[in-house]
Each structure stands twice: as C-alpha cells, then as structure tokens.
Amino acid sequence: EAGREMKARVPEDPPTGWCSWYFFYGENTAQDVLDNVAAIEEHALPLDVVLIDDGYQTAIGDWLSIDEKKFPDGIGPVATRISEAGRRLGVWTAPFGVGADSQLLVDHPDWILRDEADQPVVGWEHWGTTCYALDCTHPDALQWLSETFKCMRQEWQVSYFKIDFLFAAALPGKHHDRAATRAQALRQGVETIRKAIGKKSFLLGCGAPLGPCVGLVDGMRTGPDVDPNWHPIWRNDLTSVSTQNALRNVMTRAPFHGRLWANDPDCLLMRPRSDDMDLTLNEVRSLTSLVALSGGLTFDSDDLRTVDSGRLKYLRQTLPPTGISARPLDLFDYEVPRLFVLPVERNWGRWWIAGIVNWDEHTTETTLPLDELGLPAGRYHVFHYWRRRYLGVVDDTVTIERHQPHETAVLLFKPVSARPDLLTTTFHVCQGTAEIASYEFEIIDARAKVKLTLEKLGQQFGRVYFVVPRNWRVTEAKIGGRRQAPVSEAPHLVSFGLTLEGRADIEVWFESAVL
C-alpha cells in the first residue's frame, strides 16, 4: 500500500558494481580506482558501476573540492576511463552533514540546524571530525544541494549516487521553516537531490529513516555496514557495523524489496583471511548466500587486483541479481530468522532455494520438516549447493549434518519426476533462477531429449546436474555442439562441466528400457 501510494521507484534490474570503501576505507587514490577498473576488465566481471566512496573530498560538505593528493587530476580523468571501460561512475556523499573542518561551515554557518539553546546540532562523528546537521528547510541550503548534485551529474557524469547519513536531516532542532516536521525536512532534502540528478540516475539511500524516502530513492541500504569481522565489537550491539548485523537486516527487511525500492544488502567481501580480513570461509559463503538470495543490489568491495580465481567465484555466483527476494519464513519465531526461502516457478518447472543459517558458535545437526520451509506435500530431490552434494530424496524432513558455525546451507528442493529432469546448475547461488534462458523437454518413442540454454555475462566454470530415474540412461550429450560424457555423481544423478562464456547450448538424450 505504501509503495503504491507513494509511487515507489523499483528498478527492473538491480545494479551491480565495485565499491572502494571496505578495502581502502577512504585512502584510495585515483590510480587504485583505475587499477580496479582494469581488474574488472581482466577478469571479465559483469559489474556495471564503479563507486568512489568516502575520501575523495577535502571535507564533509565540500563535495566539489577534491583531495589533490589522492586525485591529483580531479575526478574527470577517472570518470572518462570508467566510461571508456563501459562502466558507470558512482559517487558517495553525506549530503546532510557539514564537517567542522569544512569551508561550507565557514561560509554558511546559518545553514546548520540548531537546538533550543541555539547551539549547532551534531549529526555524527566522522573519523574524528564532528559533522553538524544541515537544515534541509533552508532555501539557500537547498539551492546549494541542487547546484552541487547538478554539477556531479552534468560535469562529472555521475549516474549512480550513494547518499549516506541521511538521518542527520531528521534530527530534532529549530528549522528555518518552523512549520516543517523532521520527516518533511528529510524529504525536502532528498527530493531536492532527486530533482537535481534527474529521473534516470540511480539514487541509493543509506543511514536513512525509511518512510520519508519512498518514491524518491531507487535503492535503500537495509541495515548497518558489513565488516571484515563477523561480530560487532560490542557483541550485544545490534546496530554496530559487522557482517552478522548486516545479514540480520538483509533477512528481516527482505519484504521491502521490489515494493518500496531495491534493497541494498551492502557489499560482498571475498578476500582470504589476513590482518584486515577476519571472516572465515563459512562466513564469506553466508554473506554470498544471503546477498544472492535477497535479489537486490550486488556490489563487491575488495581490491580486485589481489583476489584470486578461487575467491572471485563467490562474486560470480551472485551475478546477475535475480531481482526477486527470498522470504524469512520464521521471522517471528526467533530473535534472528534462520530460514530464508526463495520459491521459483518457470514454465518448465518449479523449485525452492532455501538458505538455512546456523548463527550459533558451535557445529550442530539441523533437521527441518519440509512444511517449515513452505514446501507442499510431496517428494523432493535435495542438493546442497556449497558442498556440491546430492542429499537424495526426502518427503518429510531434511537433515544438515555438521551444520557449522555461521554457515548458511543453501539447499535446492526439486519435485521428483518419473522422467529425466534437470536438477540444478552451479553457476549461481539461486541455481537456475538467473542463468537458464530456456528449457525444452521432448519424448520421442523410447527416447527423451532435454535442450537447455544458459545465458550469463562473464566467464565462469560450473556444472549442470541431471536426474536419471531408474530404467533410464544417458545415451548422448552435446555441450556447445561438442560431445561430452556424463560424470556419475550419485545413483541416478549425472553432471556435465563447462565454462560458460555468455551463452551455452546443452542437449542431452536419454533412453528408456521400459517405453
């Protein structure tokens, strides 16, 4: 209802990209950005946006004043190279903050929101610098906002805008317009930015009271920042930066996706453990799983120059975003949901992808009734995605043995059929939701033919699995027109491996001893 009444902006295809923040933390130079653009090209990563996050500006509020030590030639040459690489430039701002060290504060102290004692309202502390709240009802401040963002859009050629710390505009204080509510002040500020950048630019809200932004932003961050650490520094602080806290909100706010905007789960982090990265492999996979199942924005924030193919595969397995979100099925049963299920229906079949999270600190055995996963009564093939393991046929419960700490087991459930059938592919966490372009099944006398087309940007190795029921066998298979022998994975299950580069046509013939 809210989305419809407020004319929510929901992009058809959620953006993908690379973000400078979670590796460089504002210390990146122009060359670091360009080197990562080159790495995107080298690895054939289908990422659209190159997002320059905090650190390029000389102060919070002085957005058009560029730090010459980091960007000696300004933003222009970087923007040109990004465009030549076929990508879009994105830029971070905190538009409703005015740094204590900014020229903006020197020139316009009257634009600051003030409290009842006529003292400037503090928005937040930014890496040791106090940032005051901008009064978004002041007409001159709004005019400055408009001119700043028009410059970024028209002169810098920015088409993706991440606006952060938006809550500052909604803090209590004496507004220039005494009749304006805090929500109205925030909305005036965001509305001014939207008008300045135009309808075609992508606007991502972050750190925002949610309601006033509906109809103005295209995407919205769903929770606190991810972090190279799983736990927050203070374990019981649910608002602090941490991957655990970010993923809580990915699940609990999943219903907003596609209704109010495209959800932004925050960035993927894939790099191995090191001095600046403390996520275990299971934690990286959980981040990957829940981002992919959420179906929204998909950005990576590693130094891609240093990430090897063994880690890049996690990014590839989230691309492209499906655009549809899984649902938290036990939202009101536990403090944190543990069941995140995506039902998928196509004209060739129906299946379910379940992300089952072990938030605990110890390994356990998880057994779930199928009806808790929202599955209709019946018999299902089950495939464990990360372990690449077929778990057989179930009709009542499913068990995850050795469900490890912070592990998200991604299970595919496919109804059992009496005929040969595609079970799954490994090119995407959502297993067929994003990469299967077409599927045909044909019976010819005692033979059956499956014809399958996969389409996916980039280059990626994966496997395609077929169920071969009793009394059937594979007689011939062609991958991209070349014959290939099946690999037996389990009784009545075969697979074929291939490198997918844009498109692959797969044709498999089966023969029955009964028909």
Protein backbone atom coordinates (compact mmCIF):
# COMPACT_ATOMS: atom_id res chain seq x y z
CA GLU A 1 0.00 0.00 0.00
CA ALA A 2 2.72 2.49 0.97
CA GLY A 3 4.71 1.74 -2.14
CA ARG A 4 1.75 2.23 -4.43
CA GLU A 5 0.51 5.42 -2.76
CA MET A 6 3.99 6.98 -2.64
CA LYS A 7 4.84 5.88 -6.20
CA ALA A 8 7.80 3.75 -5.20
CA ARG A 9 10.70 3.59 -7.63
CA VAL A 10 11.63 -0.05 -8.21
CA PRO A 11 14.36 -0.66 -10.81
CA GLU A 12 13.79 -3.55 -13.19
CA ASP A 13 17.40 -4.70 -12.89
CA PRO A 14 19.21 -4.00 -9.58
CA PRO A 15 22.66 -2.50 -10.19
CA THR A 16 25.94 -4.36 -9.77
CA GLY A 17 29.33 -2.85 -9.13
CA TRP A 18 32.56 -2.36 -7.24
CA CYS A 19 32.93 -0.07 -4.21
CA SER A 20 36.18 1.40 -2.90
CA TRP A 21 35.25 1.55 0.79
CA TYR A 22 35.70 -1.83 2.52
CA PHE A 23 39.29 -2.31 1.46
CA PHE A 24 40.70 1.22 1.20
CA TYR A 25 38.49 2.99 3.79
CA GLY A 26 38.92 6.34 2.08
CA GLU A 27 42.67 6.07 1.50
CA ASN A 28 42.40 5.02 -2.15
CA THR A 29 43.96 7.13 -4.88
CA ALA A 30 42.70 7.70 -8.39
CA GLN A 31 45.18 5.04 -9.53
CA ASP A 32 43.73 2.49 -7.10
CA VAL A 33 40.32 3.05 -8.65
CA LEU A 34 41.67 2.77 -12.19
CA ASP A 35 43.61 -0.38 -11.32
CA ASN A 36 40.41 -1.98 -10.10
CA VAL A 37 38.61 -0.94 -13.28
CA ALA A 38 41.38 -2.75 -15.16
CA ALA A 39 40.95 -5.81 -12.93
CA ILE A 40 37.22 -5.86 -13.63
CA GLU A 41 38.04 -5.95 -17.34
CA GLU A 42 40.82 -8.52 -16.96
CA HIS A 43 38.59 -10.93 -15.02
CA ALA A 44 35.56 -10.29 -17.27
CA LEU A 45 33.42 -9.41 -14.26
CA PRO A 46 29.93 -8.23 -15.25
CA LEU A 47 29.95 -5.23 -12.89
CA ASP A 48 28.26 -2.05 -14.07
CA VAL A 49 29.07 0.65 -11.51
CA VAL A 50 32.44 1.83 -10.16
CA LEU A 51 31.59 3.54 -6.87
CA ILE A 52 34.10 6.00 -5.41
CA ASP A 53 33.21 6.06 -1.75
CA ASP A 54 34.22 8.43 1.06
CA GLY A 55 37.67 10.03 0.96
CA TYR A 56 37.89 11.80 -2.40
CA GLN A 57 36.63 15.12 -0.94
CA THR A 58 38.59 17.54 1.25
CA ALA A 59 35.84 17.70 3.91
CA ILE A 60 32.29 16.55 4.58
CA GLY A 61 30.21 19.20 2.83
CA ASP A 62 32.93 20.34 0.41
CA TRP A 63 31.92 17.78 -2.19
CA LEU A 64 33.31 19.62 -5.22
CA SER A 65 36.66 20.23 -3.52
CA ILE A 66 38.82 17.21 -4.40
CA ASP A 67 41.76 15.93 -2.35
CA GLU A 68 44.67 16.60 -4.71
CA LYS A 69 46.95 14.10 -3.00
CA LYS A 70 44.60 11.25 -3.86
CA PHE A 71 43.10 12.58 -7.10
CA PRO A 72 45.75 14.96 -8.48
CA ASP A 73 43.89 15.48 -11.76
CA GLY A 74 40.44 15.61 -10.22
CA ILE A 75 37.54 13.29 -10.92
CA GLY A 76 37.37 13.98 -14.69
CA PRO A 77 40.08 11.58 -15.96
CA VAL A 78 38.82 8.79 -13.69
CA ALA A 79 35.27 9.31 -14.95
CA THR A 80 36.49 9.20 -18.55
CA ARG A 81 38.37 5.92 -18.04
CA ILE A 82 35.38 4.33 -16.31
CA SER A 83 33.17 5.34 -19.22
CA GLU A 84 35.68 4.01 -21.77
CA ALA A 85 35.57 0.67 -19.93
CA GLY A 86 31.81 0.55 -20.43
CA ARG A 87 31.04 1.18 -16.75
CA ARG A 88 29.15 3.90 -14.89
CA LEU A 89 30.64 6.27 -12.32
CA GLY A 90 29.12 6.24 -8.84
CA VAL A 91 29.95 8.68 -6.05
CA TRP A 92 29.33 8.67 -2.30
CA THR A 93 28.22 11.73 -0.37
CA ALA A 94 26.82 12.50 3.07
CA PRO A 95 24.77 15.45 1.80
CA PHE A 96 23.08 16.46 5.06
CA GLY A 97 26.31 16.73 7.03
CA VAL A 98 28.60 19.75 7.39
CA GLY A 99 32.09 18.99 8.69
CA ALA A 100 33.58 21.16 11.43
CA ASP A 101 36.66 21.47 9.18
CA SER A 102 34.71 22.35 6.03
CA GLN A 103 34.70 25.59 4.07
CA LEU A 104 30.93 25.19 3.86
CA LEU A 105 30.65 25.77 7.61
CA VAL A 106 32.88 28.87 7.40
CA ASP A 107 30.84 30.34 4.57
CA HIS A 108 27.34 29.38 5.73
CA PRO A 109 27.03 28.79 9.49
CA ASP A 110 23.39 29.86 9.22
CA TRP A 111 22.57 26.69 7.25
CA ILE A 112 23.22 24.49 10.29
CA LEU A 113 20.31 23.04 12.26
CA ARG A 114 20.33 24.45 15.80
CA ASP A 115 18.91 23.27 19.10
CA GLU A 116 16.78 25.22 21.57
CA ALA A 117 19.93 26.74 23.08
CA ASP A 118 20.91 27.93 19.58
CA GLN A 119 23.84 25.50 19.51
CA PRO A 120 24.62 23.60 16.29
CA VAL A 121 23.10 20.11 16.22
CA VAL A 122 25.75 17.40 15.93
CA GLY A 123 24.89 14.79 13.31
CA TRP A 124 27.72 12.32 13.93
CA GLU A 125 31.45 11.98 14.48
CA HIS A 126 33.19 11.16 11.20
CA TRP A 127 36.62 9.62 11.72
CA GLY A 128 37.41 12.12 14.46
CA THR A 129 35.70 15.10 12.85
CA THR A 130 32.39 16.48 14.11
CA CYS A 131 29.71 16.75 11.46
CA TYR A 132 26.79 19.08 12.03
CA ALA A 133 23.30 18.60 10.61
CA LEU A 134 22.25 20.63 7.58
CA ASP A 135 18.90 22.41 7.85
CA CYS A 136 17.11 20.98 4.82
CA THR A 137 14.30 23.54 5.10
CA HIS A 138 16.65 26.48 4.47
CA PRO A 139 16.07 27.65 0.87
CA ASP A 140 19.70 28.65 0.33
CA ALA A 141 20.92 25.26 1.62
CA LEU A 142 18.52 23.52 -0.72
CA GLN A 143 19.74 25.63 -3.63
CA TRP A 144 23.33 24.66 -2.78
CA LEU A 145 22.35 20.99 -2.68
CA SER A 146 20.74 21.32 -6.09
CA GLU A 147 23.76 23.03 -7.66
CA THR A 148 26.19 20.52 -6.13
CA PHE A 149 24.37 17.47 -7.43
CA LYS A 150 23.70 19.02 -10.83
CA CYS A 151 27.45 19.55 -11.17
CA MET A 152 28.16 15.92 -10.27
CA ARG A 153 25.55 14.70 -12.72
CA GLN A 154 26.33 17.00 -15.64
CA GLU A 155 30.05 17.77 -15.34
CA TRP A 156 31.36 14.64 -13.59
CA GLN A 157 28.92 12.38 -15.47
CA VAL A 158 27.90 10.57 -12.28
CA SER A 159 24.81 8.41 -12.80
CA TYR A 160 24.85 6.46 -9.51
CA PHE A 161 24.56 8.43 -6.28
CA LYS A 162 25.00 6.91 -2.83
CA ILE A 163 23.73 9.39 -0.24
CA ASP A 164 24.65 8.42 3.32
CA PHE A 165 23.98 9.54 6.92
CA LEU A 166 20.56 10.79 5.84
CA PHE A 167 19.23 10.64 9.40
CA ALA A 168 21.04 13.94 10.09
CA ALA A 169 18.31 15.87 8.28
CA ALA A 170 15.68 14.39 10.59
CA LEU A 171 17.36 15.23 13.90
CA PRO A 172 15.47 17.42 16.40
CA GLY A 173 16.16 21.13 16.11
CA LYS A 174 14.84 24.56 15.11
CA HIS A 175 14.29 24.56 11.37
CA HIS A 176 14.30 27.64 9.16
CA ASP A 177 10.77 26.59 8.27
CA ARG A 178 9.25 26.35 11.74
CA ALA A 179 6.20 24.53 10.39
CA ALA A 180 8.20 21.65 8.88
CA THR A 181 8.32 18.30 10.65
CA ARG A 182 11.53 16.31 10.88
CA ALA A 183 10.25 13.87 8.25
CA GLN A 184 9.35 16.76 5.94
CA ALA A 185 12.82 18.27 6.35
CA LEU A 186 14.42 14.98 5.36
CA ARG A 187 12.11 14.50 2.42
CA GLN A 188 12.75 18.05 1.14
CA GLY A 189 16.46 17.34 1.11
CA VAL A 190 16.16 14.01 -0.71
CA GLU A 191 13.60 15.47 -3.12
CA THR A 192 16.00 18.31 -3.98
CA ILE A 193 18.72 15.80 -4.81
CA ARG A 194 16.35 13.69 -6.92
CA LYS A 195 15.31 16.70 -8.99
CA ALA A 196 18.93 17.75 -9.48
CA ILE A 197 20.15 14.35 -10.75
CA GLY A 198 17.10 13.57 -12.88
CA LYS A 199 14.82 10.59 -13.12
CA LYS A 200 17.29 8.32 -14.93
CA SER A 201 20.08 8.46 -12.33
CA PHE A 202 20.16 5.79 -9.64
CA LEU A 203 19.76 7.14 -6.11
CA LEU A 204 20.74 4.91 -3.18
CA GLY A 205 19.69 5.91 0.33
CA CYS A 206 21.82 4.90 3.30
CA GLY A 207 21.60 5.54 7.01
CA ALA A 208 18.07 6.77 6.50
CA PRO A 209 14.72 6.85 8.25
CA LEU A 210 12.93 4.70 5.72
CA GLY A 211 9.42 6.05 5.21
CA PRO A 212 10.18 9.60 4.00
CA CYS A 213 12.44 8.25 1.23
CA VAL A 214 9.84 6.08 -0.53
CA GLY A 215 9.20 7.31 -4.06
CA LEU A 216 12.48 9.25 -4.21
CA VAL A 217 15.24 6.64 -3.91
CA ASP A 218 15.76 3.67 -6.23
CA GLY A 219 17.61 1.60 -3.64
CA MET A 220 17.92 1.55 0.13
CA ARG A 221 20.52 0.08 2.47
CA THR A 222 18.71 -2.37 4.69
CA GLY A 223 21.00 -2.30 7.73
CA PRO A 224 24.40 -1.37 9.18
CA ASP A 225 27.64 -1.74 7.26
CA VAL A 226 29.19 -5.10 6.60
CA ASP A 227 32.67 -5.50 8.04
CA PRO A 228 35.71 -7.78 7.74
CA ASN A 229 34.57 -9.09 11.15
CA TRP A 230 31.55 -11.31 11.77
CA HIS A 231 30.70 -9.98 15.24
CA PRO A 232 30.40 -6.31 16.23
CA ILE A 233 33.00 -5.01 18.66
CA TRP A 234 30.33 -4.99 21.38
CA ARG A 235 28.59 -8.35 20.97
CA ASN A 236 25.12 -7.18 22.05
CA ASP A 237 25.07 -4.04 19.91
CA LEU A 238 22.69 -4.83 17.05
CA THR A 239 23.38 -1.51 15.28
CA SER A 240 27.19 -1.63 15.03
CA VAL A 241 29.00 -2.46 11.84
CA SER A 242 29.52 -6.20 11.40
CA THR A 243 28.66 -8.81 8.82
CA GLN A 244 26.39 -10.57 11.30
CA ASN A 245 24.35 -7.40 11.94
CA ALA A 246 24.15 -6.56 8.25
CA LEU A 247 22.81 -10.03 7.43
CA ARG A 248 20.18 -9.88 10.19
CA ASN A 249 18.70 -6.90 8.39
CA VAL A 250 19.05 -8.47 4.95
CA MET A 251 16.59 -11.12 6.13
CA THR A 252 14.24 -9.07 8.31
CA ARG A 253 13.82 -6.28 5.75
CA ALA A 254 13.60 -8.55 2.72
CA PRO A 255 9.85 -7.84 2.25
CA PHE A 256 10.65 -4.22 1.32
CA HIS A 257 12.49 -5.33 -1.83
CA GLY A 258 10.50 -4.78 -5.01
CA ARG A 259 7.79 -2.97 -3.08
CA LEU A 260 9.42 0.19 -1.75
CA TRP A 261 12.71 0.12 -3.73
CA ALA A 262 15.52 -2.33 -4.49
CA ASN A 263 17.14 -3.49 -1.27
CA ASP A 264 20.86 -2.91 -0.79
CA PRO A 265 22.33 -5.65 1.46
CA ASP A 266 25.72 -3.88 1.36
CA CYS A 267 28.90 -5.20 -0.21
CA LEU A 268 30.34 -8.65 -0.67
CA LEU A 269 33.78 -9.28 0.84
CA MET A 270 35.59 -12.25 -0.72
CA ARG A 271 39.27 -11.88 0.07
CA PRO A 272 41.01 -14.52 2.22
CA ARG A 273 41.65 -14.04 5.93
CA SER A 274 44.50 -11.66 6.70
CA ASP A 275 45.40 -8.80 9.04
CA ASP A 276 42.49 -6.75 7.67
CA MET A 277 40.01 -9.58 7.00
CA ASP A 278 38.73 -11.91 9.71
CA LEU A 279 35.77 -13.60 8.00
CA THR A 280 36.03 -17.38 7.82
CA LEU A 281 35.15 -19.24 4.64
CA ASN A 282 31.73 -20.16 6.06
CA GLU A 283 31.11 -16.50 6.89
CA VAL A 284 32.10 -15.41 3.37
CA ARG A 285 29.74 -18.03 1.98
CA SER A 286 26.93 -16.88 4.28
CA LEU A 287 27.40 -13.31 3.10
CA THR A 288 27.44 -14.52 -0.50
CA SER A 289 24.37 -16.73 0.01
CA LEU A 290 22.13 -14.16 1.68
CA VAL A 291 23.12 -11.37 -0.70
CA ALA A 292 22.30 -13.61 -3.68
CA LEU A 293 19.01 -14.81 -2.17
CA SER A 294 17.99 -11.22 -1.38
CA GLY A 295 17.94 -10.43 -5.12
CA GLY A 296 18.91 -6.76 -4.75
CA LEU A 297 22.00 -4.64 -5.37
CA THR A 298 25.20 -6.68 -5.69
CA PHE A 299 28.50 -4.87 -5.12
CA ASP A 300 31.94 -6.15 -4.19
CA SER A 301 34.40 -4.17 -2.08
CA ASP A 302 37.76 -5.93 -2.27
CA ASP A 303 40.96 -4.87 -4.01
CA LEU A 304 40.32 -6.93 -7.13
CA ARG A 305 43.98 -6.77 -8.08
CA THR A 306 44.76 -9.18 -5.25
CA VAL A 307 41.77 -11.57 -5.33
CA ASP A 308 42.45 -14.92 -7.00
CA SER A 309 40.03 -17.01 -9.06
CA GLY A 310 39.25 -19.24 -6.07
CA ARG A 311 37.67 -16.25 -4.33
CA LEU A 312 36.31 -14.43 -7.38
CA LYS A 313 33.99 -17.38 -7.92
CA TYR A 314 31.91 -16.22 -4.95
CA LEU A 315 31.21 -12.92 -6.67
CA ARG A 316 30.44 -14.65 -9.96
CA GLN A 317 27.94 -16.91 -8.22
CA THR A 318 25.86 -13.90 -7.15
CA LEU A 319 25.68 -12.29 -10.62
CA PRO A 320 23.40 -11.16 -12.02
CA PRO A 321 20.99 -10.28 -9.19
CA THR A 322 17.73 -12.16 -9.67
CA GLY A 323 15.62 -9.11 -8.82
CA ILE A 324 13.39 -11.24 -6.59
CA SER A 325 13.91 -11.78 -2.88
CA ALA A 326 13.70 -14.83 -0.67
CA ARG A 327 11.35 -14.67 2.31
CA PRO A 328 12.23 -15.10 6.01
CA LEU A 329 9.78 -17.84 6.99
CA ASP A 330 10.44 -17.80 10.75
CA LEU A 331 10.58 -14.04 11.21
CA PHE A 332 8.51 -14.07 14.40
CA ASP A 333 9.73 -17.38 15.82
CA TYR A 334 13.31 -16.43 16.69
CA GLU A 335 15.24 -13.31 17.56
CA VAL A 336 17.01 -13.71 14.22
CA PRO A 337 15.41 -15.60 11.30
CA ARG A 338 17.25 -18.71 10.17
CA LEU A 339 15.12 -19.77 7.19
CA PHE A 340 15.39 -17.68 4.03
CA VAL A 341 13.47 -19.35 1.19
CA LEU A 342 13.12 -18.39 -2.47
CA PRO A 343 10.30 -20.14 -4.38
CA VAL A 344 10.98 -20.22 -8.15
CA GLU A 345 8.46 -21.02 -10.84
CA ARG A 346 9.10 -21.12 -14.57
CA ASN A 347 7.11 -22.58 -17.44
CA TRP A 348 9.40 -25.64 -17.39
CA GLY A 349 9.34 -26.33 -13.66
CA ARG A 350 9.16 -25.32 -10.04
CA TRP A 351 11.79 -25.44 -7.31
CA TRP A 352 12.78 -23.85 -4.00
CA ILE A 353 16.12 -22.46 -2.80
CA ALA A 354 16.49 -22.38 0.99
CA GLY A 355 19.21 -20.58 2.89
CA ILE A 356 19.37 -22.17 6.35
CA VAL A 357 21.60 -20.22 8.73
CA ASN A 358 23.43 -21.51 11.78
CA TRP A 359 24.00 -18.32 13.79
CA ASP A 360 25.48 -20.29 16.70
CA GLU A 361 29.13 -20.64 17.71
CA HIS A 362 29.14 -24.43 17.53
CA THR A 363 28.59 -27.16 14.95
CA THR A 364 25.17 -28.77 15.12
CA GLU A 365 22.88 -31.11 13.23
CA THR A 366 19.89 -29.29 11.80
CA THR A 367 16.71 -31.20 10.97
CA LEU A 368 13.74 -29.38 9.48
CA PRO A 369 10.26 -30.53 8.48
CA LEU A 370 9.59 -29.65 4.85
CA ASP A 371 6.43 -27.79 5.74
CA GLU A 372 8.53 -25.32 7.79
CA LEU A 373 10.23 -24.45 4.51
CA GLY A 374 6.89 -23.73 2.86
CA LEU A 375 7.04 -26.79 0.58
CA PRO A 376 3.82 -28.52 -0.46
CA ALA A 377 3.49 -32.19 0.49
CA GLY A 378 5.47 -34.41 -1.87
CA ARG A 379 8.83 -35.99 -2.61
CA TYR A 380 11.84 -33.80 -3.37
CA HIS A 381 15.37 -34.15 -4.64
CA VAL A 382 17.71 -32.15 -2.38
CA PHE A 383 21.03 -30.63 -3.44
CA HIS A 384 23.47 -28.95 -1.03
CA TYR A 385 24.94 -26.09 -3.07
CA TRP A 386 28.16 -25.24 -1.23
CA ARG A 387 29.12 -28.85 -0.58
CA ARG A 388 28.14 -29.83 -4.14
CA ARG A 389 26.41 -32.84 -2.64
CA TYR A 390 23.20 -34.60 -3.59
CA LEU A 391 21.31 -35.41 -0.39
CA GLY A 392 18.85 -37.79 -2.04
CA VAL A 393 15.05 -37.80 -1.98
CA VAL A 394 13.08 -36.60 1.05
CA ASP A 395 9.36 -36.40 1.75
CA ASP A 396 9.10 -35.38 5.40
CA THR A 397 12.24 -33.80 6.84
CA VAL A 398 15.69 -32.76 5.67
CA THR A 399 18.83 -33.01 7.79
CA ILE A 400 22.02 -30.95 7.50
CA GLU A 401 24.79 -32.93 9.13
CA ARG A 402 27.67 -30.96 10.63
CA HIS A 403 26.00 -27.60 10.17
CA GLN A 404 29.00 -25.47 11.02
CA PRO A 405 29.17 -22.17 12.96
CA HIS A 406 27.95 -19.20 10.89
CA GLU A 407 27.35 -21.49 7.92
CA THR A 408 24.42 -20.91 5.59
CA ALA A 409 23.47 -24.21 3.99
CA VAL A 410 21.91 -23.45 0.61
CA LEU A 411 19.61 -26.32 -0.33
CA LEU A 412 17.70 -26.78 -3.56
CA PHE A 413 14.42 -28.70 -3.45
CA LYS A 414 13.07 -30.05 -6.76
CA PRO A 415 9.91 -32.19 -7.00
CA VAL A 416 10.60 -35.80 -8.00
CA SER A 417 9.57 -36.68 -11.54
CA ALA A 418 9.28 -40.05 -13.28
CA ARG A 419 11.13 -38.70 -16.28
CA PRO A 420 14.70 -37.40 -16.73
CA ASP A 421 14.97 -33.88 -15.41
CA LEU A 422 17.37 -31.02 -14.84
CA LEU A 423 18.19 -30.88 -11.15
CA THR A 424 20.37 -27.78 -10.83
CA THR A 425 23.31 -25.75 -12.07
CA THR A 426 26.16 -24.29 -10.02
CA PHE A 427 26.63 -21.02 -11.89
CA HIS A 428 24.51 -19.03 -9.43
CA VAL A 429 23.56 -19.43 -5.77
CA CYS A 430 19.92 -19.29 -6.88
CA GLN A 431 20.53 -22.29 -9.17
CA GLY A 432 18.69 -21.72 -12.41
CA THR A 433 16.79 -18.61 -11.40
CA ALA A 434 19.14 -16.22 -13.19
CA GLU A 435 21.05 -18.20 -15.83
CA ILE A 436 18.55 -20.55 -17.51
CA ALA A 437 17.28 -18.77 -20.60
CA SER A 438 15.22 -21.67 -22.00
CA TYR A 439 14.39 -25.30 -21.26
CA GLU A 440 12.69 -27.86 -23.51
CA PHE A 441 11.75 -31.49 -22.88
CA GLU A 442 10.64 -33.85 -25.61
CA ILE A 443 9.69 -37.56 -25.69
CA ILE A 444 10.41 -39.37 -28.97
CA ASP A 445 9.46 -43.07 -28.89
CA ALA A 446 11.62 -44.60 -26.13
CA ARG A 447 13.91 -41.61 -26.01
CA ALA A 448 13.79 -38.27 -24.25
CA LYS A 449 15.64 -35.07 -25.11
CA VAL A 450 16.41 -32.14 -22.84
CA LYS A 451 17.51 -28.95 -24.56
CA LEU A 452 18.81 -26.24 -22.28
CA THR A 453 20.24 -22.77 -22.93
CA LEU A 454 22.28 -20.93 -20.32
CA GLU A 455 22.97 -17.21 -20.61
CA LYS A 456 25.22 -15.27 -18.26
CA LEU A 457 27.67 -12.41 -18.74
CA GLY A 458 31.32 -13.00 -17.94
CA GLN A 459 33.31 -16.22 -17.88
CA GLN A 460 32.69 -18.95 -15.33
CA PHE A 461 33.16 -22.68 -14.85
CA GLY A 462 30.31 -24.70 -13.39
CA ARG A 463 28.36 -27.93 -13.58
CA VAL A 464 24.88 -28.89 -14.73
CA TYR A 465 23.19 -31.80 -12.93
CA PHE A 466 20.52 -34.14 -14.32
CA VAL A 467 18.39 -36.70 -12.53
CA VAL A 468 18.27 -40.00 -14.42
CA PRO A 469 15.42 -42.15 -12.99
CA ARG A 470 15.55 -45.93 -12.77
CA ASN A 471 15.28 -47.61 -16.20
CA TRP A 472 16.67 -44.53 -17.95
CA ARG A 473 20.22 -43.83 -19.09
CA VAL A 474 22.08 -41.05 -20.88
CA THR A 475 22.92 -42.02 -24.45
CA GLU A 476 24.37 -38.80 -25.81
CA ALA A 477 25.17 -35.25 -24.70
CA LYS A 478 26.41 -32.18 -26.51
CA ILE A 479 27.69 -29.04 -24.79
CA GLY A 480 28.04 -26.18 -27.24
CA GLY A 481 27.81 -28.67 -30.10
CA ARG A 482 30.60 -30.90 -28.76
CA ARG A 483 30.02 -34.36 -27.39
CA GLN A 484 30.70 -34.87 -23.71
CA ALA A 485 30.44 -37.91 -21.48
CA PRO A 486 28.43 -37.57 -18.26
CA VAL A 487 30.05 -37.80 -14.84
CA SER A 488 28.23 -40.06 -12.40
CA GLU A 489 27.73 -38.09 -9.16
CA ALA A 490 25.43 -40.48 -7.29
CA PRO A 491 22.97 -43.24 -8.15
CA HIS A 492 20.61 -41.76 -10.75
CA LEU A 493 22.48 -38.44 -10.92
CA VAL A 494 24.93 -37.23 -13.58
CA SER A 495 26.64 -33.92 -14.27
CA PHE A 496 28.42 -32.09 -17.07
CA GLY A 497 31.11 -29.47 -16.56
CA LEU A 498 31.52 -26.44 -18.80
CA THR A 499 32.92 -22.94 -18.96
CA LEU A 500 30.07 -20.55 -19.57
CA GLU A 501 31.05 -17.50 -21.61
CA GLY A 502 27.90 -15.58 -22.32
CA ARG A 503 25.85 -18.47 -23.70
CA ALA A 504 25.89 -22.24 -23.77
CA ASP A 505 23.51 -24.67 -25.51
CA ILE A 506 23.19 -28.07 -23.87
CA GLU A 507 21.46 -31.08 -25.39
CA VAL A 508 21.13 -34.40 -23.55
CA TRP A 509 19.48 -37.58 -24.88
CA PHE A 510 18.11 -40.28 -22.60
CA GLU A 511 16.87 -43.77 -23.43
CA SER A 512 14.28 -45.79 -21.54
CA ALA A 513 14.29 -49.55 -21.15
CA VAL A 514 10.54 -49.51 -20.45
CA LEU A 515 8.84 -47.27 -23.02
